[in-house]
């Protein structure tokens, strides 16, 4: 994605409010500003959390609440770390899936 560096003068109160929002979201002030500006002009980006849920769902690694899969999983015991490693052997790391999805390979 091509970017542009921009200097903007903000009222101190707005800057503080944006900083607080960035802290609540656990993201950089820059990312918060980009998302809020995109939302203001109708270019709402997919949040990181929404992106992660979509990728996990597409990879068959997420059962949505109320889905058929979730009904079958509700009584399933939580697997151990060793069981998870065995089940995921040979599956590409999620980071590779995310990078490929973004077309950054």
Protein backbone atom coordinates (compact mmCIF):
# COMPACT_ATOMS: atom_id res chain seq x y z
CA UNK A 1 0.00 0.00 0.00
CA UNK A 2 1.38 3.37 -0.98
CA UNK A 3 1.40 5.95 1.81
CA UNK A 4 1.87 9.70 2.21
CA UNK A 5 3.45 11.44 5.20
CA UNK A 6 1.26 14.27 6.49
CA UNK A 7 1.67 16.84 9.24
CA UNK A 8 -1.57 17.94 10.90
CA UNK A 9 -2.17 20.50 13.65
CA UNK A 10 -4.73 19.26 16.20
CA UNK A 11 -6.29 20.83 19.26
CA UNK A 12 -4.69 19.34 22.39
CA UNK A 13 -8.04 17.95 23.54
CA UNK A 14 -8.54 16.08 20.25
CA UNK A 15 -4.99 14.73 20.38
CA UNK A 16 -5.56 13.44 23.92
CA UNK A 17 -8.88 11.84 22.95
CA UNK A 18 -7.24 10.09 19.97
CA UNK A 19 -4.34 8.91 22.15
CA UNK A 20 -6.80 7.48 24.67
CA UNK A 21 -8.71 5.72 21.90
CA UNK A 22 -5.46 4.29 20.49
CA UNK A 23 -4.52 2.97 23.95
CA UNK A 24 -7.96 1.35 24.35
CA UNK A 25 -7.59 -0.29 20.95
CA UNK A 26 -3.98 -1.25 21.76
CA UNK A 27 -2.77 0.24 18.51
CA UNK A 28 -0.62 3.13 17.39
CA UNK A 29 -1.96 6.65 17.22
CA UNK A 30 -1.20 6.60 13.50
CA UNK A 31 -3.33 3.47 12.95
CA UNK A 32 -6.19 4.97 14.95
CA UNK A 33 -6.04 8.18 12.89
CA UNK A 34 -5.99 6.26 9.60
CA UNK A 35 -8.98 4.13 10.63
CA UNK A 36 -10.97 7.11 11.89
CA UNK A 37 -10.24 9.18 8.78
CA UNK A 38 -11.16 6.25 6.52
CA UNK A 39 -14.41 5.78 8.45
CA UNK A 40 -15.19 9.51 8.17
CA UNK A 41 -14.90 9.47 4.37
CA UNK A 42 -16.73 6.17 3.92
CA UNK A 43 -13.69 3.94 3.43
CA UNK A 44 -14.18 1.74 6.48
CA UNK A 45 -11.21 -0.66 6.65
CA UNK A 46 -11.54 -4.18 7.97
CA UNK A 47 -10.29 -4.18 11.55
CA UNK A 48 -7.42 -6.49 12.46
CA UNK A 49 -9.78 -8.49 14.67
CA UNK A 50 -12.34 -8.85 11.86
CA UNK A 51 -9.56 -9.81 9.44
CA UNK A 52 -8.25 -12.45 11.84
CA UNK A 53 -11.75 -13.89 12.41
CA UNK A 54 -12.33 -14.05 8.63
CA UNK A 55 -9.01 -15.80 7.95
CA UNK A 56 -9.54 -18.26 10.81
CA UNK A 57 -13.10 -18.98 9.60
CA UNK A 58 -11.90 -19.49 5.99
CA UNK A 59 -9.18 -21.88 7.22
CA UNK A 60 -11.75 -23.88 9.19
CA UNK A 61 -10.14 -22.91 12.49
CA UNK A 62 -13.05 -20.89 13.96
CA UNK A 63 -16.57 -21.91 14.87
CA UNK A 64 -18.88 -18.92 15.13
CA UNK A 65 -21.19 -18.75 18.18
CA UNK A 66 -24.45 -20.54 17.35
CA UNK A 67 -23.02 -22.32 14.30
CA UNK A 68 -23.46 -26.04 13.75
CA UNK A 69 -19.73 -26.50 14.42
CA UNK A 70 -19.99 -24.71 17.75
CA UNK A 71 -22.88 -26.95 18.84
CA UNK A 72 -20.71 -30.02 18.22
CA UNK A 73 -17.71 -28.44 19.92
CA UNK A 74 -19.42 -27.23 23.11
CA UNK A 75 -18.89 -30.53 24.97
CA UNK A 76 -15.45 -31.23 23.52
CA UNK A 77 -12.63 -31.03 26.08
CA UNK A 78 -9.95 -28.40 25.51
CA UNK A 79 -6.96 -30.03 23.82
CA UNK A 80 -3.51 -29.92 25.37
CA UNK A 81 -0.67 -27.96 23.76
CA UNK A 82 0.88 -31.23 22.58
CA UNK A 83 -2.40 -32.29 20.95
CA UNK A 84 -2.68 -28.93 19.18
CA UNK A 85 0.90 -29.20 17.89
CA UNK A 86 0.16 -32.70 16.57
CA UNK A 87 -3.10 -31.57 14.92
CA UNK A 88 -1.40 -28.57 13.27
CA UNK A 89 1.66 -30.45 12.05
CA UNK A 90 2.13 -29.58 8.37
CA UNK A 91 -0.34 -26.66 8.47
CA UNK A 92 1.29 -23.37 7.40
CA UNK A 93 1.64 -20.75 10.15
CA UNK A 94 -1.26 -18.31 10.32
CA UNK A 95 1.21 -15.49 9.63
CA UNK A 96 1.92 -17.00 6.20
CA UNK A 97 -1.80 -17.23 5.48
CA UNK A 98 -2.27 -13.58 6.51
CA UNK A 99 0.68 -12.43 4.37
CA UNK A 100 -0.62 -14.39 1.37
CA UNK A 101 -4.13 -12.98 1.89
CA UNK A 102 -2.75 -9.45 1.87
CA UNK A 103 -0.77 -10.23 -1.28
CA UNK A 104 2.53 -9.37 0.40
CA UNK A 105 4.40 -12.52 -0.69
